[in-house]
Amino acid sequence: MQYQMGHEYASTTGIYQFVSDDFRSTTLRASLDRAMDQALGKQSGGQR
């Protein structure tokens, strides 16, 4: 999960064990969307 969330340290990623499943999923989705947009050369911003 550490690399999925884009954190360098496992201790930083550890905070996600104390959040709701919905928040964790939403945060992961946003991170993945940004990564895909960057990989495809799209500008980030706005909602999908």
PDB file of N, CA and C in Angstrom:
ATOM      1  N   MET A   1       0.829  -1.195   0.000  1.00  0.00           N
ATOM      2  CA  MET A   1       0.000   0.000   0.000  1.00  0.00           C
ATOM      3  C   MET A   1       0.870   1.254   0.000  1.00  0.00           C
ATOM      4  N   GLN A   2       2.041   1.179   0.584  1.00  0.00           N
ATOM      5  CA  GLN A   2       2.925   2.335   0.659  1.00  0.00           C
ATOM      6  C   GLN A   2       3.175   2.933  -0.713  1.00  0.00           C
ATOM      7  N   TYR A   3       3.524   2.117  -1.686  1.00  0.00           N
ATOM      8  CA  TYR A   3       3.814   2.636  -3.022  1.00  0.00           C
ATOM      9  C   TYR A   3       2.543   3.038  -3.759  1.00  0.00           C
ATOM     10  N   GLN A   4       1.437   2.372  -3.500  1.00  0.00           N
ATOM     11  CA  GLN A   4       0.171   2.734  -4.127  1.00  0.00           C
ATOM     12  C   GLN A   4      -0.268   4.131  -3.711  1.00  0.00           C
ATOM     13  N   MET A   5      -0.007   4.477  -2.481  1.00  0.00           N
ATOM     14  CA  MET A   5      -0.425   5.776  -1.971  1.00  0.00           C
ATOM     15  C   MET A   5       0.618   6.850  -2.251  1.00  0.00           C
ATOM     16  N   GLY A   6       1.765   6.469  -2.801  1.00  0.00           N
ATOM     17  CA  GLY A   6       2.785   7.434  -3.155  1.00  0.00           C
ATOM     18  C   GLY A   6       3.591   7.955  -1.983  1.00  0.00           C
ATOM     19  N   HIS A   7       3.729   7.164  -0.940  1.00  0.00           N
ATOM     20  CA  HIS A   7       4.486   7.589   0.227  1.00  0.00           C
ATOM     21  C   HIS A   7       5.859   6.926   0.242  1.00  0.00           C
ATOM     22  N   GLU A   8       6.821   7.702   0.666  1.00  0.00           N
ATOM     23  CA  GLU A   8       8.181   7.193   0.741  1.00  0.00           C
ATOM     24  C   GLU A   8       8.378   6.308   1.973  1.00  0.00           C
ATOM     25  N   TYR A   9       7.690   6.622   3.058  1.00  0.00           N
ATOM     26  CA  TYR A   9       7.888   5.901   4.312  1.00  0.00           C
ATOM     27  C   TYR A   9       6.627   5.146   4.714  1.00  0.00           C
ATOM     28  N   ALA A  10       6.803   3.930   5.198  1.00  0.00           N
ATOM     29  CA  ALA A  10       5.668   3.121   5.635  1.00  0.00           C
ATOM     30  C   ALA A  10       4.932   3.790   6.786  1.00  0.00           C
ATOM     31  N   SER A  11       5.654   4.510   7.634  1.00  0.00           N
ATOM     32  CA  SER A  11       5.003   5.174   8.773  1.00  0.00           C
ATOM     33  C   SER A  11       3.984   6.214   8.306  1.00  0.00           C
ATOM     34  N   THR A  12       4.244   6.862   7.189  1.00  0.00           N
ATOM     35  CA  THR A  12       3.296   7.835   6.646  1.00  0.00           C
ATOM     36  C   THR A  12       2.044   7.124   6.145  1.00  0.00           C
ATOM     37  N   THR A  13       2.241   5.995   5.499  1.00  0.00           N
ATOM     38  CA  THR A  13       1.117   5.226   4.978  1.00  0.00           C
ATOM     39  C   THR A  13       0.282   4.643   6.117  1.00  0.00           C
ATOM     40  N   GLY A  14       0.907   4.401   7.267  1.00  0.00           N
ATOM     41  CA  GLY A  14       0.219   3.799   8.402  1.00  0.00           C
ATOM     42  C   GLY A  14      -0.986   4.569   8.889  1.00  0.00           C
ATOM     43  N   ILE A  15      -1.061   5.860   8.601  1.00  0.00           N
ATOM     44  CA  ILE A  15      -2.215   6.640   9.066  1.00  0.00           C
ATOM     45  C   ILE A  15      -3.507   6.152   8.429  1.00  0.00           C
ATOM     46  N   TYR A  16      -3.408   5.501   7.275  1.00  0.00           N
ATOM     47  CA  TYR A  16      -4.610   5.063   6.585  1.00  0.00           C
ATOM     48  C   TYR A  16      -5.285   3.863   7.239  1.00  0.00           C
ATOM     49  N   GLN A  17      -4.636   3.237   8.198  1.00  0.00           N
ATOM     50  CA  GLN A  17      -5.291   2.133   8.876  1.00  0.00           C
ATOM     51  C   GLN A  17      -6.375   2.628   9.834  1.00  0.00           C
ATOM     52  N   PHE A  18      -6.415   3.942  10.078  1.00  0.00           N
ATOM     53  CA  PHE A  18      -7.368   4.517  11.017  1.00  0.00           C
ATOM     54  C   PHE A  18      -8.455   5.342  10.339  1.00  0.00           C
ATOM     55  N   VAL A  19      -8.604   5.214   9.031  1.00  0.00           N
ATOM     56  CA  VAL A  19      -9.635   5.958   8.317  1.00  0.00           C
ATOM     57  C   VAL A  19     -10.666   4.984   7.750  1.00  0.00           C
ATOM     58  N   SER A  20     -11.805   5.513   7.354  1.00  0.00           N
ATOM     59  CA  SER A  20     -12.877   4.670   6.840  1.00  0.00           C
ATOM     60  C   SER A  20     -12.499   4.070   5.489  1.00  0.00           C
ATOM     61  N   ASP A  21     -13.149   2.972   5.155  1.00  0.00           N
ATOM     62  CA  ASP A  21     -12.923   2.336   3.860  1.00  0.00           C
ATOM     63  C   ASP A  21     -13.279   3.282   2.725  1.00  0.00           C
ATOM     64  N   ASP A  22     -14.341   4.071   2.901  1.00  0.00           N
ATOM     65  CA  ASP A  22     -14.761   5.011   1.864  1.00  0.00           C
ATOM     66  C   ASP A  22     -13.693   6.072   1.628  1.00  0.00           C
ATOM     67  N   PHE A  23     -13.152   6.635   2.702  1.00  0.00           N
ATOM     68  CA  PHE A  23     -12.103   7.647   2.564  1.00  0.00           C
ATOM     69  C   PHE A  23     -10.870   7.046   1.902  1.00  0.00           C
ATOM     70  N   ARG A  24     -10.491   5.864   2.319  1.00  0.00           N
ATOM     71  CA  ARG A  24      -9.315   5.199   1.755  1.00  0.00           C
ATOM     72  C   ARG A  24      -9.517   4.945   0.258  1.00  0.00           C
ATOM     73  N   SER A  25     -10.691   4.477  -0.119  1.00  0.00           N
ATOM     74  CA  SER A  25     -10.974   4.205  -1.528  1.00  0.00           C
ATOM     75  C   SER A  25     -10.988   5.490  -2.352  1.00  0.00           C
ATOM     76  N   THR A  26     -11.597   6.534  -1.805  1.00  0.00           N
ATOM     77  CA  THR A  26     -11.666   7.808  -2.502  1.00  0.00           C
ATOM     78  C   THR A  26     -10.267   8.398  -2.696  1.00  0.00           C
ATOM     79  N   THR A  27      -9.444   8.320  -1.665  1.00  0.00           N
ATOM     80  CA  THR A  27      -8.088   8.842  -1.732  1.00  0.00           C
ATOM     81  C   THR A  27      -7.246   8.063  -2.732  1.00  0.00           C
ATOM     82  N   LEU A  28      -7.372   6.754  -2.711  1.00  0.00           N
ATOM     83  CA  LEU A  28      -6.628   5.915  -3.652  1.00  0.00           C
ATOM     84  C   LEU A  28      -7.075   6.194  -5.084  1.00  0.00           C
ATOM     85  N   ARG A  29      -8.379   6.319  -5.298  1.00  0.00           N
ATOM     86  CA  ARG A  29      -8.899   6.601  -6.638  1.00  0.00           C
ATOM     87  C   ARG A  29      -8.352   7.933  -7.154  1.00  0.00           C
ATOM     88  N   ALA A  30      -8.345   8.959  -6.305  1.00  0.00           N
ATOM     89  CA  ALA A  30      -7.837  10.265  -6.715  1.00  0.00           C
ATOM     90  C   ALA A  30      -6.353  10.179  -7.079  1.00  0.00           C
ATOM     91  N   SER A  31      -5.590   9.432  -6.306  1.00  0.00           N
ATOM     92  CA  SER A  31      -4.165   9.266  -6.589  1.00  0.00           C
ATOM     93  C   SER A  31      -3.952   8.534  -7.906  1.00  0.00           C
ATOM     94  N   LEU A  32      -4.720   7.495  -8.118  1.00  0.00           N
ATOM     95  CA  LEU A  32      -4.601   6.744  -9.366  1.00  0.00           C
ATOM     96  C   LEU A  32      -5.016   7.588 -10.566  1.00  0.00           C
ATOM     97  N   ASP A  33      -6.072   8.369 -10.414  1.00  0.00           N
ATOM     98  CA  ASP A  33      -6.513   9.247 -11.498  1.00  0.00           C
ATOM     99  C   ASP A  33      -5.424  10.258 -11.856  1.00  0.00           C
ATOM    100  N   ARG A  34      -4.801  10.864 -10.835  1.00  0.00           N
ATOM    101  CA  ARG A  34      -3.722  11.818 -11.095  1.00  0.00           C
ATOM    102  C   ARG A  34      -2.550  11.146 -11.800  1.00  0.00           C
ATOM    103  N   ALA A  35      -2.184   9.953 -11.341  1.00  0.00           N
ATOM    104  CA  ALA A  35      -1.074   9.230 -11.958  1.00  0.00           C
ATOM    105  C   ALA A  35      -1.382   8.897 -13.415  1.00  0.00           C
ATOM    106  N   MET A  36      -2.594   8.463 -13.684  1.00  0.00           N
ATOM    107  CA  MET A  36      -2.972   8.139 -15.065  1.00  0.00           C
ATOM    108  C   MET A  36      -2.982   9.395 -15.936  1.00  0.00           C
ATOM    109  N   ASP A  37      -3.505  10.489 -15.395  1.00  0.00           N
ATOM    110  CA  ASP A  37      -3.524  11.742 -16.150  1.00  0.00           C
ATOM    111  C   ASP A  37      -2.103  12.183 -16.491  1.00  0.00           C
ATOM    112  N   GLN A  38      -1.194  12.080 -15.529  1.00  0.00           N
ATOM    113  CA  GLN A  38       0.196  12.448 -15.774  1.00  0.00           C
ATOM    114  C   GLN A  38       0.818  11.519 -16.816  1.00  0.00           C
ATOM    115  N   ALA A  39       0.552  10.232 -16.703  1.00  0.00           N
ATOM    116  CA  ALA A  39       1.116   9.262 -17.642  1.00  0.00           C
ATOM    117  C   ALA A  39       0.608   9.492 -19.053  1.00  0.00           C
ATOM    118  N   LEU A  40      -0.626   9.958 -19.168  1.00  0.00           N
ATOM    119  CA  LEU A  40      -1.226  10.189 -20.476  1.00  0.00           C
ATOM    120  C   LEU A  40      -1.046  11.627 -20.958  1.00  0.00           C
ATOM    121  N   GLY A  41      -0.377  12.444 -20.147  1.00  0.00           N
ATOM    122  CA  GLY A  41      -0.107  13.822 -20.537  1.00  0.00           C
ATOM    123  C   GLY A  41      -1.293  14.744 -20.428  1.00  0.00           C
ATOM    124  N   LYS A  42      -2.261  14.386 -19.598  1.00  0.00           N
ATOM    125  CA  LYS A  42      -3.432  15.252 -19.411  1.00  0.00           C
ATOM    126  C   LYS A  42      -3.192  16.177 -18.240  1.00  0.00           C
ATOM    127  N   GLN A  43      -3.851  17.338 -18.280  1.00  0.00           N
ATOM    128  CA  GLN A  43      -3.763  18.249 -17.150  1.00  0.00           C
ATOM    129  C   GLN A  43      -4.761  17.807 -16.104  1.00  0.00           C
ATOM    130  N   SER A  44      -4.339  17.849 -14.825  1.00  0.00           N
ATOM    131  CA  SER A  44      -5.251  17.475 -13.762  1.00  0.00           C
ATOM    132  C   SER A  44      -6.136  18.650 -13.403  1.00  0.00           C
ATOM    133  N   GLY A  45      -7.234  18.339 -12.742  1.00  0.00           N
ATOM    134  CA  GLY A  45      -8.182  19.361 -12.349  1.00  0.00           C
ATOM    135  C   GLY A  45      -9.565  18.965 -12.772  1.00  0.00           C
ATOM    136  N   GLY A  46     -10.544  19.434 -12.023  1.00  0.00           N
ATOM    137  CA  GLY A  46     -11.929  19.082 -12.340  1.00  0.00           C
ATOM    138  C   GLY A  46     -12.252  17.682 -11.868  1.00  0.00           C
ATOM    139  N   GLN A  47     -13.497  17.330 -12.013  1.00  0.00           N
ATOM    140  CA  GLN A  47     -13.954  16.016 -11.590  1.00  0.00           C
ATOM    141  C   GLN A  47     -14.236  15.168 -12.795  1.00  0.00           C
ATOM    142  N   ARG A  48     -14.254  13.877 -12.591  1.00  0.00           N
ATOM    143  CA  ARG A  48     -14.557  12.927 -13.658  1.00  0.00           C
ATOM    144  C   ARG A  48     -16.020  12.681 -13.720  1.00  0.00           C
TER     145      ARG A  48
END
